[in-house]
Protein backbone atom coordinates (compact mmCIF):
# COMPACT_ATOMS: atom_id res chain seq x y z
CA UNK A 1 -39.03 -3.13 3.10
CA UNK A 2 -37.00 -0.13 1.91
CA UNK A 3 -35.32 -0.25 -1.48
CA UNK A 4 -31.53 0.07 -1.34
CA UNK A 5 -30.41 3.49 -2.49
CA UNK A 6 -28.57 3.35 -5.78
CA UNK A 7 -25.10 4.82 -6.06
CA UNK A 8 -25.39 8.47 -7.04
CA UNK A 9 -22.85 9.98 -9.40
CA UNK A 10 -22.82 13.72 -9.92
CA UNK A 11 -20.82 16.05 -12.11
CA UNK A 12 -19.08 19.27 -11.13
CA UNK A 13 -18.52 21.05 -14.43
CA UNK A 14 -16.29 24.05 -14.87
CA UNK A 15 -17.62 27.07 -16.74
CA UNK A 16 -15.54 26.16 -19.83
CA UNK A 17 -16.83 22.56 -19.79
CA UNK A 18 -20.39 23.82 -19.40
CA UNK A 19 -19.95 26.26 -22.30
CA UNK A 20 -18.48 23.50 -24.50
CA UNK A 21 -21.40 21.17 -23.68
CA UNK A 22 -23.95 23.92 -24.37
CA UNK A 23 -22.32 24.54 -27.74
CA UNK A 24 -22.50 20.82 -28.58
CA UNK A 25 -26.17 20.65 -27.58
CA UNK A 26 -27.25 23.80 -29.42
CA UNK A 27 -25.29 23.60 -32.68
CA UNK A 28 -26.53 20.19 -33.83
CA UNK A 29 -23.32 19.38 -35.70
CA UNK A 30 -22.53 16.30 -33.62
CA UNK A 31 -23.73 12.70 -33.46
CA UNK A 32 -27.04 12.24 -31.64
CA UNK A 33 -25.50 10.07 -28.92
CA UNK A 34 -22.91 12.72 -28.16
CA UNK A 35 -25.63 15.39 -27.87
CA UNK A 36 -27.69 13.13 -25.61
CA UNK A 37 -24.74 12.45 -23.30
CA UNK A 38 -23.93 16.15 -23.20
CA UNK A 39 -27.53 16.93 -22.20
CA UNK A 40 -27.34 14.33 -19.41
CA UNK A 41 -24.11 15.85 -18.10
CA UNK A 42 -25.63 19.33 -18.15
CA UNK A 43 -28.60 18.06 -16.14
CA UNK A 44 -26.25 16.44 -13.58
CA UNK A 45 -24.09 19.54 -13.05
CA UNK A 46 -23.94 20.38 -9.33
CA UNK A 47 -22.73 23.92 -10.06
CA UNK A 48 -25.99 24.71 -11.92
CA UNK A 49 -28.15 23.98 -8.89
CA UNK A 50 -29.77 21.02 -7.16
CA UNK A 51 -29.71 17.76 -9.08
CA UNK A 52 -32.92 15.91 -9.79
CA UNK A 53 -33.29 12.14 -9.48
CA UNK A 54 -32.18 9.86 -12.30
CA UNK A 55 -35.76 9.23 -13.42
CA UNK A 56 -36.45 12.98 -13.70
CA UNK A 57 -33.20 13.61 -15.61
CA UNK A 58 -34.00 10.70 -17.92
CA UNK A 59 -37.48 12.04 -18.59
CA UNK A 60 -36.14 15.53 -19.35
CA UNK A 61 -33.49 14.25 -21.74
CA UNK A 62 -35.57 11.41 -23.18
CA UNK A 63 -33.41 8.47 -22.09
CA UNK A 64 -33.69 5.67 -19.56
CA UNK A 65 -32.38 5.86 -16.02
CA UNK A 66 -29.79 3.26 -17.01
CA UNK A 67 -28.37 5.64 -19.61
CA UNK A 68 -28.21 8.43 -17.05
CA UNK A 69 -26.35 6.13 -14.67
CA UNK A 70 -23.97 4.98 -17.42
CA UNK A 71 -23.06 8.54 -18.41
CA UNK A 72 -22.54 9.51 -14.78
CA UNK A 73 -20.40 6.44 -14.11
CA UNK A 74 -18.28 7.08 -17.20
CA UNK A 75 -17.78 10.69 -16.11
CA UNK A 76 -16.42 9.48 -12.77
CA UNK A 77 -14.28 6.73 -14.41
CA UNK A 78 -12.66 9.21 -16.81
CA UNK A 79 -11.74 11.48 -13.93
CA UNK A 80 -14.16 14.23 -14.92
CA UNK A 81 -13.01 14.42 -18.53
CA UNK A 82 -16.07 15.77 -20.37
CA UNK A 83 -14.72 14.99 -23.86
CA UNK A 84 -13.97 11.36 -22.98
CA UNK A 85 -17.39 11.01 -21.37
CA UNK A 86 -19.46 12.13 -24.34
CA UNK A 87 -17.39 10.69 -27.19
CA UNK A 88 -17.43 7.12 -28.37
CA UNK A 89 -14.75 4.78 -27.08
CA UNK A 90 -12.20 3.74 -29.68
CA UNK A 91 -11.87 0.01 -30.15
CA UNK A 92 -8.37 -1.29 -29.42
CA UNK A 93 -8.40 -3.94 -32.13
CA UNK A 94 -10.86 -5.32 -34.65
CA UNK A 95 -13.16 -8.07 -33.34
CA UNK A 96 -11.90 -10.55 -35.92
CA UNK A 97 -8.26 -10.71 -36.98
CA UNK A 98 -7.73 -10.28 -40.73
CA UNK A 99 -7.07 -13.49 -42.67
CA UNK A 100 -5.06 -11.82 -45.41
CA UNK A 101 -1.89 -10.48 -43.83
CA UNK A 102 0.97 -8.84 -45.69
CA UNK A 103 2.83 -12.13 -46.11
CA UNK A 104 -0.25 -13.97 -47.42
CA UNK A 105 -0.96 -11.10 -49.80
CA UNK A 106 2.63 -11.11 -51.10
CA UNK A 107 2.56 -14.87 -51.71
CA UNK A 108 -0.81 -14.59 -53.46
CA UNK A 109 0.44 -11.83 -55.75
CA UNK A 110 3.59 -13.84 -56.46
CA UNK A 111 1.46 -16.85 -57.40
CA UNK A 112 -0.81 -14.75 -59.63
CA UNK A 113 2.20 -13.24 -61.43
CA UNK A 114 3.85 -16.60 -62.03
CA UNK A 115 3.25 -18.82 -65.05
CA UNK A 116 -0.11 -20.64 -64.97
CA UNK A 117 -0.16 -24.41 -64.43
CA UNK A 118 0.26 -26.87 -67.29
CA UNK A 119 -2.80 -26.94 -69.56
CA UNK A 120 -4.01 -23.39 -68.73
CA UNK A 121 -3.38 -20.22 -70.70
CA UNK A 122 -3.82 -17.88 -67.74
CA UNK A 123 -4.74 -17.70 -64.07
CA UNK A 124 -8.38 -17.29 -63.19
CA UNK A 125 -9.67 -16.47 -59.72
CA UNK A 126 -11.14 -19.94 -59.29
CA UNK A 127 -7.90 -21.57 -60.44
CA UNK A 128 -5.97 -19.45 -57.95
CA UNK A 129 -8.48 -20.51 -55.28
CA UNK A 130 -7.76 -24.19 -56.00
CA UNK A 131 -4.00 -23.69 -55.90
CA UNK A 132 -4.11 -21.62 -52.70
CA UNK A 133 -6.01 -24.48 -51.05
CA UNK A 134 -3.11 -26.83 -51.93
CA UNK A 135 -0.48 -24.65 -50.24
CA UNK A 136 -0.19 -25.51 -46.55
CA UNK A 137 0.89 -22.23 -44.99
CA UNK A 138 -1.66 -20.01 -46.78
CA UNK A 139 -5.19 -20.05 -45.35
CA UNK A 140 -7.97 -21.17 -47.67
CA UNK A 141 -9.30 -18.10 -49.44
CA UNK A 142 -12.47 -17.65 -51.43
CA UNK A 143 -12.13 -16.50 -55.05
CA UNK A 144 -13.86 -13.21 -54.18
CA UNK A 145 -11.27 -12.54 -51.44
CA UNK A 146 -8.48 -13.32 -53.88
CA UNK A 147 -10.03 -10.92 -56.39
CA UNK A 148 -10.25 -8.17 -53.76
CA UNK A 149 -6.59 -8.60 -52.81
CA UNK A 150 -5.44 -8.55 -56.42
CA UNK A 151 -7.67 -5.58 -57.25
CA UNK A 152 -6.13 -3.68 -54.33
CA UNK A 153 -2.70 -4.31 -55.84
CA UNK A 154 -3.80 -3.57 -59.44
CA UNK A 155 -2.78 -7.06 -60.52
CA UNK A 156 -4.15 -8.13 -63.86
CA UNK A 157 -4.58 -11.83 -64.50
CA UNK A 158 -3.17 -12.50 -67.93
């Protein structure tokens, strides 16, 4: 039974794109992944001659056939934009939303600058941690997090 032929992506690079990729590959001033992707694109350039199979390109560059396919697919998805193909994608938002927002930080600083509770001479981080836990609309914060927030604001617990 014949194996189904995988989808073949190729790259048609302009002379300026090719020169830019050659500079990236030869200077060594870029991240290793960027250099690897640039080498894959140079190997897949139709204007440089016949294109070898994915396995041959992968062996020449030192990557798997999956990587070759991923670079080729990204080149097609970006509409032939070489820079977007070889650079890392920027993440739209952090994977975990920050707990300490501006409002929480302001309320924490306000609490730290207020008079300490009855029976205490000053606020400590652990005392602030206990009092933050009692306030409903402020998330429970660890004393180390409270210390980081106050340090960022140059607040001194007196």
